[in-house]
Amino acid sequence: KFIYRDGLQATVQRDSIKHPEVDRSQWLPPT
């Protein structure tokens, strides 16, 4: 309410590292 102009959640999402989009067929096996 008082610190972030665009709101806390919007600021965090803007400043966070973007997660890559990977098709399931390209996923590596867990091991």
PDB file of all heavy atoms in Angstrom:
ATOM      1  N   LYS A   1       0.804  -1.220   0.000  1.00  0.00           N
ATOM      2  CA  LYS A   1       0.000   0.000   0.000  1.00  0.00           C
ATOM      3  C   LYS A   1       0.838   1.271   0.000  1.00  0.00           C
ATOM      4  O   LYS A   1       0.498   2.258  -0.667  1.00  0.00           O
ATOM      5  CB  LYS A   1      -0.930  -0.013   1.212  1.00  0.00           C
ATOM      6  CG  LYS A   1      -1.928   1.135   1.228  1.00  0.00           C
ATOM      7  CD  LYS A   1      -2.925   0.970   2.359  1.00  0.00           C
ATOM      8  CE  LYS A   1      -3.978   2.092   2.328  1.00  0.00           C
ATOM      9  NZ  LYS A   1      -4.972   1.932   3.426  1.00  0.00           N
ATOM     10  N   PHE A   2       1.957   1.264   0.745  1.00  0.00           N
ATOM     11  CA  PHE A   2       2.666   2.517   0.983  1.00  0.00           C
ATOM     12  C   PHE A   2       4.022   2.642   0.274  1.00  0.00           C
ATOM     13  O   PHE A   2       4.550   3.747   0.170  1.00  0.00           O
ATOM     14  CB  PHE A   2       2.876   2.706   2.491  1.00  0.00           C
ATOM     15  CG  PHE A   2       1.612   2.809   3.276  1.00  0.00           C
ATOM     16  CD1 PHE A   2       1.237   1.791   4.148  1.00  0.00           C
ATOM     17  CD2 PHE A   2       0.773   3.901   3.137  1.00  0.00           C
ATOM     18  CE1 PHE A   2       0.061   1.874   4.885  1.00  0.00           C
ATOM     19  CE2 PHE A   2      -0.413   3.991   3.870  1.00  0.00           C
ATOM     20  CZ  PHE A   2      -0.772   2.986   4.729  1.00  0.00           C
ATOM     21  N   ILE A   3       4.604   1.519  -0.191  1.00  0.00           N
ATOM     22  CA  ILE A   3       5.969   1.581  -0.720  1.00  0.00           C
ATOM     23  C   ILE A   3       6.002   1.404  -2.231  1.00  0.00           C
ATOM     24  O   ILE A   3       6.609   2.209  -2.948  1.00  0.00           O
ATOM     25  CB  ILE A   3       6.863   0.528  -0.031  1.00  0.00           C
ATOM     26  CG1 ILE A   3       6.967   0.835   1.473  1.00  0.00           C
ATOM     27  CG2 ILE A   3       8.249   0.495  -0.667  1.00  0.00           C
ATOM     28  CD1 ILE A   3       7.785  -0.172   2.252  1.00  0.00           C
ATOM     29  N   TYR A   4       5.345   0.365  -2.740  1.00  0.00           N
ATOM     30  CA  TYR A   4       5.454   0.029  -4.155  1.00  0.00           C
ATOM     31  C   TYR A   4       4.328   0.684  -4.952  1.00  0.00           C
ATOM     32  O   TYR A   4       3.138   0.441  -4.678  1.00  0.00           O
ATOM     33  CB  TYR A   4       5.442  -1.488  -4.350  1.00  0.00           C
ATOM     34  CG  TYR A   4       6.612  -2.170  -3.689  1.00  0.00           C
ATOM     35  CD1 TYR A   4       6.475  -2.788  -2.442  1.00  0.00           C
ATOM     36  CD2 TYR A   4       7.862  -2.178  -4.292  1.00  0.00           C
ATOM     37  CE1 TYR A   4       7.554  -3.409  -1.828  1.00  0.00           C
ATOM     38  CE2 TYR A   4       8.945  -2.793  -3.680  1.00  0.00           C
ATOM     39  CZ  TYR A   4       8.786  -3.404  -2.456  1.00  0.00           C
ATOM     40  OH  TYR A   4       9.854  -4.003  -1.847  1.00  0.00           O
ATOM     41  N   ARG A   5       4.705   1.487  -5.943  1.00  0.00           N
ATOM     42  CA  ARG A   5       3.725   2.232  -6.726  1.00  0.00           C
ATOM     43  C   ARG A   5       2.774   1.306  -7.463  1.00  0.00           C
ATOM     44  O   ARG A   5       1.570   1.547  -7.522  1.00  0.00           O
ATOM     45  CB  ARG A   5       4.461   3.132  -7.724  1.00  0.00           C
ATOM     46  CG  ARG A   5       3.535   3.972  -8.602  1.00  0.00           C
ATOM     47  CD  ARG A   5       4.333   4.765  -9.621  1.00  0.00           C
ATOM     48  NE  ARG A   5       5.332   5.602  -8.976  1.00  0.00           N
ATOM     49  CZ  ARG A   5       6.263   6.290  -9.648  1.00  0.00           C
ATOM     50  NH1 ARG A   5       6.315   6.198 -10.976  1.00  0.00           N
ATOM     51  NH2 ARG A   5       7.136   7.040  -9.003  1.00  0.00           N
ATOM     52  N   ASP A   6       3.311   0.246  -8.044  1.00  0.00           N
ATOM     53  CA  ASP A   6       2.489  -0.688  -8.819  1.00  0.00           C
ATOM     54  C   ASP A   6       2.007  -1.876  -8.003  1.00  0.00           C
ATOM     55  O   ASP A   6       1.433  -2.823  -8.552  1.00  0.00           O
ATOM     56  CB  ASP A   6       3.289  -1.206 -10.026  1.00  0.00           C
ATOM     57  CG  ASP A   6       3.727  -0.074 -10.938  1.00  0.00           C
ATOM     58  OD1 ASP A   6       2.954   0.880 -11.104  1.00  0.00           O
ATOM     59  OD2 ASP A   6       4.860  -0.148 -11.472  1.00  0.00           O
ATOM     60  N   GLY A   7       2.258  -1.848  -6.715  1.00  0.00           N
ATOM     61  CA  GLY A   7       1.890  -2.978  -5.872  1.00  0.00           C
ATOM     62  C   GLY A   7       3.048  -3.946  -5.710  1.00  0.00           C
ATOM     63  O   GLY A   7       3.901  -4.067  -6.599  1.00  0.00           O
ATOM     64  N   LEU A   8       3.088  -4.624  -4.565  1.00  0.00           N
ATOM     65  CA  LEU A   8       4.198  -5.520  -4.255  1.00  0.00           C
ATOM     66  C   LEU A   8       4.285  -6.683  -5.229  1.00  0.00           C
ATOM     67  O   LEU A   8       5.358  -7.002  -5.755  1.00  0.00           O
ATOM     68  CB  LEU A   8       4.052  -6.048  -2.818  1.00  0.00           C
ATOM     69  CG  LEU A   8       5.097  -7.068  -2.352  1.00  0.00           C
ATOM     70  CD1 LEU A   8       6.498  -6.486  -2.418  1.00  0.00           C
ATOM     71  CD2 LEU A   8       4.784  -7.541  -0.928  1.00  0.00           C
ATOM     72  N   GLN A   9       3.158  -7.356  -5.491  1.00  0.00           N
ATOM     73  CA  GLN A   9       3.186  -8.544  -6.343  1.00  0.00           C
ATOM     74  C   GLN A   9       3.626  -8.198  -7.761  1.00  0.00           C
ATOM     75  O   GLN A   9       4.441  -8.901  -8.371  1.00  0.00           O
ATOM     76  CB  GLN A   9       1.809  -9.210  -6.370  1.00  0.00           C
ATOM     77  CG  GLN A   9       1.788 -10.532  -7.125  1.00  0.00           C
ATOM     78  CD  GLN A   9       0.455 -11.249  -6.985  1.00  0.00           C
ATOM     79  OE1 GLN A   9      -0.449 -10.757  -6.329  1.00  0.00           O
ATOM     80  NE2 GLN A   9       0.333 -12.405  -7.601  1.00  0.00           N
ATOM     81  N   ALA A  10       3.110  -7.090  -8.303  1.00  0.00           N
ATOM     82  CA  ALA A  10       3.491  -6.691  -9.655  1.00  0.00           C
ATOM     83  C   ALA A  10       4.976  -6.340  -9.728  1.00  0.00           C
ATOM     84  O   ALA A  10       5.653  -6.660 -10.715  1.00  0.00           O
ATOM     85  CB  ALA A  10       2.650  -5.495 -10.089  1.00  0.00           C
ATOM     86  N   THR A  11       5.500  -5.707  -8.683  1.00  0.00           N
ATOM     87  CA  THR A  11       6.919  -5.335  -8.657  1.00  0.00           C
ATOM     88  C   THR A  11       7.807  -6.570  -8.590  1.00  0.00           C
ATOM     89  O   THR A  11       8.824  -6.661  -9.289  1.00  0.00           O
ATOM     90  CB  THR A  11       7.208  -4.413  -7.458  1.00  0.00           C
ATOM     91  OG1 THR A  11       6.358  -3.271  -7.524  1.00  0.00           O
ATOM     92  CG2 THR A  11       8.657  -3.967  -7.457  1.00  0.00           C
ATOM     93  N   VAL A  12       7.423  -7.533  -7.762  1.00  0.00           N
ATOM     94  CA  VAL A  12       8.198  -8.771  -7.638  1.00  0.00           C
ATOM     95  C   VAL A  12       8.209  -9.522  -8.956  1.00  0.00           C
ATOM     96  O   VAL A  12       9.250 -10.020  -9.411  1.00  0.00           O
ATOM     97  CB  VAL A  12       7.637  -9.656  -6.501  1.00  0.00           C
ATOM     98  CG1 VAL A  12       8.274 -11.034  -6.537  1.00  0.00           C
ATOM     99  CG2 VAL A  12       7.874  -8.999  -5.154  1.00  0.00           C
ATOM    100  N   GLN A  13       7.039  -9.635  -9.591  1.00  0.00           N
ATOM    101  CA  GLN A  13       6.971 -10.337 -10.878  1.00  0.00           C
ATOM    102  C   GLN A  13       7.808  -9.636 -11.939  1.00  0.00           C
ATOM    103  O   GLN A  13       8.452 -10.281 -12.768  1.00  0.00           O
ATOM    104  CB  GLN A  13       5.511 -10.430 -11.323  1.00  0.00           C
ATOM    105  CG  GLN A  13       4.670 -11.383 -10.489  1.00  0.00           C
ATOM    106  CD  GLN A  13       3.215 -11.401 -10.917  1.00  0.00           C
ATOM    107  OE1 GLN A  13       2.774 -10.554 -11.694  1.00  0.00           O
ATOM    108  NE2 GLN A  13       2.463 -12.368 -10.400  1.00  0.00           N
ATOM    109  N   ARG A  14       7.829  -8.300 -11.919  1.00  0.00           N
ATOM    110  CA  ARG A  14       8.599  -7.544 -12.900  1.00  0.00           C
ATOM    111  C   ARG A  14      10.095  -7.742 -12.709  1.00  0.00           C
ATOM    112  O   ARG A  14      10.854  -7.857 -13.675  1.00  0.00           O
ATOM    113  CB  ARG A  14       8.238  -6.065 -12.789  1.00  0.00           C
ATOM    114  CG  ARG A  14       8.909  -5.168 -13.837  1.00  0.00           C
ATOM    115  CD  ARG A  14       8.647  -3.720 -13.526  1.00  0.00           C
ATOM    116  NE  ARG A  14       9.295  -3.324 -12.286  1.00  0.00           N
ATOM    117  CZ  ARG A  14       8.788  -2.494 -11.390  1.00  0.00           C
ATOM    118  NH1 ARG A  14       7.578  -1.992 -11.566  1.00  0.00           N
ATOM    119  NH2 ARG A  14       9.445  -2.176 -10.289  1.00  0.00           N
ATOM    120  N   ASP A  15      10.533  -7.785 -11.454  1.00  0.00           N
ATOM    121  CA  ASP A  15      11.965  -7.853 -11.164  1.00  0.00           C
ATOM    122  C   ASP A  15      12.507  -9.271 -11.084  1.00  0.00           C
ATOM    123  O   ASP A  15      13.714  -9.477 -11.012  1.00  0.00           O
ATOM    124  CB  ASP A  15      12.270  -7.130  -9.835  1.00  0.00           C
ATOM    125  CG  ASP A  15      11.957  -5.634  -9.911  1.00  0.00           C
ATOM    126  OD1 ASP A  15      11.872  -5.121 -11.041  1.00  0.00           O
ATOM    127  OD2 ASP A  15      11.797  -5.005  -8.848  1.00  0.00           O
ATOM    128  N   SER A  16      11.626 -10.266 -11.067  1.00  0.00           N
ATOM    129  CA  SER A  16      12.074 -11.654 -10.935  1.00  0.00           C
ATOM    130  C   SER A  16      12.647 -12.169 -12.256  1.00  0.00           C
ATOM    131  O   SER A  16      12.324 -11.672 -13.339  1.00  0.00           O
ATOM    132  CB  SER A  16      10.916 -12.555 -10.507  1.00  0.00           C
ATOM    133  OG  SER A  16      10.432 -12.188  -9.236  1.00  0.00           O
ATOM    134  N   ILE A  17      13.489 -13.178 -12.148  1.00  0.00           N
ATOM    135  CA  ILE A  17      14.025 -13.839 -13.345  1.00  0.00           C
ATOM    136  C   ILE A  17      12.890 -14.549 -14.079  1.00  0.00           C
ATOM    137  O   ILE A  17      12.061 -15.223 -13.452  1.00  0.00           O
ATOM    138  CB  ILE A  17      15.125 -14.844 -12.950  1.00  0.00           C
ATOM    139  CG1 ILE A  17      16.321 -14.106 -12.347  1.00  0.00           C
ATOM    140  CG2 ILE A  17      15.557 -15.683 -14.136  1.00  0.00           C
ATOM    141  CD1 ILE A  17      17.410 -15.020 -11.830  1.00  0.00           C
ATOM    142  N   LYS A  18      12.847 -14.385 -15.390  1.00  0.00           N
ATOM    143  CA  LYS A  18      11.795 -15.014 -16.176  1.00  0.00           C
ATOM    144  C   LYS A  18      12.073 -16.511 -16.319  1.00  0.00           C
ATOM    145  O   LYS A  18      13.187 -16.917 -16.644  1.00  0.00           O
ATOM    146  CB  LYS A  18      11.716 -14.375 -17.555  1.00  0.00           C
ATOM    147  CG  LYS A  18      11.452 -12.868 -17.537  1.00  0.00           C
ATOM    148  CD  LYS A  18      10.185 -12.524 -16.783  1.00  0.00           C
ATOM    149  CE  LYS A  18       9.953 -11.020 -16.750  1.00  0.00           C
ATOM    150  NZ  LYS A  18       8.769 -10.649 -15.926  1.00  0.00           N
ATOM    151  N   HIS A  19      11.053 -17.301 -16.041  1.00  0.00           N
ATOM    152  CA  HIS A  19      11.196 -18.753 -16.142  1.00  0.00           C
ATOM    153  C   HIS A  19      11.047 -19.200 -17.594  1.00  0.00           C
ATOM    154  O   HIS A  19      10.137 -18.733 -18.299  1.00  0.00           O
ATOM    155  CB  HIS A  19      10.165 -19.452 -15.268  1.00  0.00           C
ATOM    156  CG  HIS A  19      10.318 -19.150 -13.810  1.00  0.00           C
ATOM    157  ND1 HIS A  19      11.306 -19.718 -13.048  1.00  0.00           N
ATOM    158  CD2 HIS A  19       9.617 -18.324 -12.987  1.00  0.00           C
ATOM    159  CE1 HIS A  19      11.203 -19.262 -11.804  1.00  0.00           C
ATOM    160  NE2 HIS A  19      10.194 -18.420 -11.747  1.00  0.00           N
ATOM    161  N   PRO A  20      11.912 -20.099 -18.055  1.00  0.00           N
ATOM    162  CA  PRO A  20      11.844 -20.540 -19.455  1.00  0.00           C
ATOM    163  C   PRO A  20      10.629 -21.432 -19.701  1.00  0.00           C
ATOM    164  O   PRO A  20      10.141 -22.116 -18.794  1.00  0.00           O
ATOM    165  CB  PRO A  20      13.136 -21.330 -19.643  1.00  0.00           C
ATOM    166  CG  PRO A  20      13.486 -21.812 -18.266  1.00  0.00           C
ATOM    167  CD  PRO A  20      13.021 -20.736 -17.331  1.00  0.00           C
ATOM    168  N   GLU A  21      10.153 -21.408 -20.939  1.00  0.00           N
ATOM    169  CA  GLU A  21       9.054 -22.284 -21.337  1.00  0.00           C
ATOM    170  C   GLU A  21       9.642 -23.461 -22.116  1.00  0.00           C
ATOM    171  O   GLU A  21      10.245 -23.278 -23.177  1.00  0.00           O
ATOM    172  CB  GLU A  21       8.050 -21.516 -22.199  1.00  0.00           C
ATOM    173  CG  GLU A  21       6.830 -22.327 -22.571  1.00  0.00           C
ATOM    174  CD  GLU A  21       5.799 -21.501 -23.329  1.00  0.00           C
ATOM    175  OE1 GLU A  21       5.750 -20.276 -23.123  1.00  0.00           O
ATOM    176  OE2 GLU A  21       5.048 -22.099 -24.138  1.00  0.00           O
ATOM    177  N   VAL A  22       9.498 -24.667 -21.571  1.00  0.00           N
ATOM    178  CA  VAL A  22      10.097 -25.862 -22.166  1.00  0.00           C
ATOM    179  C   VAL A  22       8.987 -26.885 -22.429  1.00  0.00           C
ATOM    180  O   VAL A  22       8.230 -27.228 -21.506  1.00  0.00           O
ATOM    181  CB  VAL A  22      11.179 -26.474 -21.246  1.00  0.00           C
ATOM    182  CG1 VAL A  22      11.847 -27.666 -21.929  1.00  0.00           C
ATOM    183  CG2 VAL A  22      12.209 -25.432 -20.845  1.00  0.00           C
ATOM    184  N   ASP A  23       8.909 -27.355 -23.650  1.00  0.00           N
ATOM    185  CA  ASP A  23       7.913 -28.372 -23.978  1.00  0.00           C
ATOM    186  C   ASP A  23       8.202 -29.662 -23.216  1.00  0.00           C
ATOM    187  O   ASP A  23       9.357 -30.037 -23.018  1.00  0.00           O
ATOM    188  CB  ASP A  23       7.924 -28.642 -25.484  1.00  0.00           C
ATOM    189  CG  ASP A  23       6.788 -29.564 -25.892  1.00  0.00           C
ATOM    190  OD1 ASP A  23       5.660 -29.063 -26.071  1.00  0.00           O
ATOM    191  OD2 ASP A  23       7.036 -30.775 -26.036  1.00  0.00           O
ATOM    192  N   ARG A  24       7.151 -30.339 -22.792  1.00  0.00           N
ATOM    193  CA  ARG A  24       7.315 -31.546 -21.977  1.00  0.00           C
ATOM    194  C   ARG A  24       8.154 -32.606 -22.679  1.00  0.00           C
ATOM    195  O   ARG A  24       8.885 -33.364 -22.036  1.00  0.00           O
ATOM    196  CB  ARG A  24       5.948 -32.108 -21.594  1.00  0.00           C
ATOM    197  CG  ARG A  24       6.017 -33.300 -20.649  1.00  0.00           C
ATOM    198  CD  ARG A  24       4.640 -33.819 -20.247  1.00  0.00           C
ATOM    199  NE  ARG A  24       3.948 -32.887 -19.376  1.00  0.00           N
ATOM    200  CZ  ARG A  24       2.788 -33.178 -18.749  1.00  0.00           C
ATOM    201  NH1 ARG A  24       2.235 -34.386 -18.927  1.00  0.00           N
ATOM    202  NH2 ARG A  24       2.201 -32.300 -17.977  1.00  0.00           N
ATOM    203  N   SER A  25       8.092 -32.649 -23.979  1.00  0.00           N
ATOM    204  CA  SER A  25       8.860 -33.651 -24.729  1.00  0.00           C
ATOM    205  C   SER A  25      10.364 -33.407 -24.636  1.00  0.00           C
ATOM    206  O   SER A  25      11.163 -34.307 -24.922  1.00  0.00           O
ATOM    207  CB  SER A  25       8.432 -33.647 -26.207  1.00  0.00           C
ATOM    208  OG  SER A  25       8.706 -32.381 -26.802  1.00  0.00           O
ATOM    209  N   GLN A  26      10.769 -32.188 -24.237  1.00  0.00           N
ATOM    210  CA  GLN A  26      12.184 -31.842 -24.141  1.00  0.00           C
ATOM    211  C   GLN A  26      12.733 -31.935 -22.716  1.00  0.00           C
ATOM    212  O   GLN A  26      13.908 -31.668 -22.493  1.00  0.00           O
ATOM    213  CB  GLN A  26      12.405 -30.421 -24.677  1.00  0.00           C
ATOM    214  CG  GLN A  26      12.040 -30.260 -26.145  1.00  0.00           C
ATOM    215  CD  GLN A  26      12.194 -28.827 -26.624  1.00  0.00           C
ATOM    216  OE1 GLN A  26      12.047 -27.873 -25.859  1.00  0.00           O
ATOM    217  NE2 GLN A  26      12.509 -28.666 -27.908  1.00  0.00           N
ATOM    218  N   TRP A  27      11.868 -32.313 -21.782  1.00  0.00           N
ATOM    219  CA  TRP A  27      12.330 -32.411 -20.397  1.00  0.00           C
ATOM    220  C   TRP A  27      13.369 -33.512 -20.259  1.00  0.00           C
ATOM    221  O   TRP A  27      13.207 -34.620 -20.788  1.00  0.00           O
ATOM    222  CB  TRP A  27      11.172 -32.733 -19.471  1.00  0.00           C
ATOM    223  CG  TRP A  27      10.199 -31.599 -19.267  1.00  0.00           C
ATOM    224  CD1 TRP A  27      10.256 -30.363 -19.836  1.00  0.00           C
ATOM    225  CD2 TRP A  27       9.016 -31.628 -18.471  1.00  0.00           C
ATOM    226  NE1 TRP A  27       9.190 -29.601 -19.438  1.00  0.00           N
ATOM    227  CE2 TRP A  27       8.411 -30.353 -18.590  1.00  0.00           C
ATOM    228  CE3 TRP A  27       8.411 -32.576 -17.670  1.00  0.00           C
ATOM    229  CZ2 TRP A  27       7.227 -30.023 -17.928  1.00  0.00           C
ATOM    230  CZ3 TRP A  27       7.239 -32.253 -17.014  1.00  0.00           C
ATOM    231  CH2 TRP A  27       6.656 -30.994 -17.137  1.00  0.00           C
ATOM    232  N   LEU A  28      14.431 -33.210 -19.511  1.00  0.00           N
ATOM    233  CA  LEU A  28      15.420 -34.237 -19.189  1.00  0.00           C
ATOM    234  C   LEU A  28      14.868 -35.166 -18.117  1.00  0.00           C
ATOM    235  O   LEU A  28      14.071 -34.749 -17.263  1.00  0.00           O
ATOM    236  CB  LEU A  28      16.710 -33.589 -18.684  1.00  0.00           C
ATOM    237  CG  LEU A  28      17.545 -32.792 -19.689  1.00  0.00           C
ATOM    238  CD1 LEU A  28      18.743 -32.161 -18.980  1.00  0.00           C
ATOM    239  CD2 LEU A  28      18.014 -33.686 -20.832  1.00  0.00           C
ATOM    240  N   PRO A  29      15.281 -36.439 -18.123  1.00  0.00           N
ATOM    241  CA  PRO A  29      14.882 -37.342 -17.037  1.00  0.00           C
ATOM    242  C   PRO A  29      15.372 -36.797 -15.690  1.00  0.00           C
ATOM    243  O   PRO A  29      16.399 -36.116 -15.629  1.00  0.00           O
ATOM    244  CB  PRO A  29      15.565 -38.663 -17.393  1.00  0.00           C
ATOM    245  CG  PRO A  29      15.867 -38.567 -18.853  1.00  0.00           C
ATOM    246  CD  PRO A  29      16.119 -37.115 -19.130  1.00  0.00           C
ATOM    247  N   PRO A  30      14.665 -37.069 -14.600  1.00  0.00           N
ATOM    248  CA  PRO A  30      15.061 -36.542 -13.294  1.00  0.00           C
ATOM    249  C   PRO A  30      16.505 -36.858 -12.911  1.00  0.00           C
ATOM    250  O   PRO A  30      17.213 -35.987 -12.382  1.00  0.00           O
ATOM    251  CB  PRO A  30      14.074 -37.219 -12.334  1.00  0.00           C
ATOM    252  CG  PRO A  30      12.860 -37.460 -13.161  1.00  0.00           C
ATOM    253  CD  PRO A  30      13.380 -37.788 -14.528  1.00  0.00           C
ATOM    254  N   THR A  31      16.972 -38.089 -13.156  1.00  0.00           N
ATOM    255  CA  THR A  31      18.343 -38.420 -12.752  1.00  0.00           C
ATOM    256  C   THR A  31      19.368 -37.610 -13.533  1.00  0.00           C
ATOM    257  O   THR A  31      20.435 -37.271 -13.006  1.00  0.00           O
ATOM    258  CB  THR A  31      18.617 -39.926 -12.953  1.00  0.00           C
ATOM    259  OG1 THR A  31      18.313 -40.293 -14.312  1.00  0.00           O
ATOM    260  CG2 THR A  31      17.791 -40.769 -11.997  1.00  0.00           C
TER     261      THR A  31
END
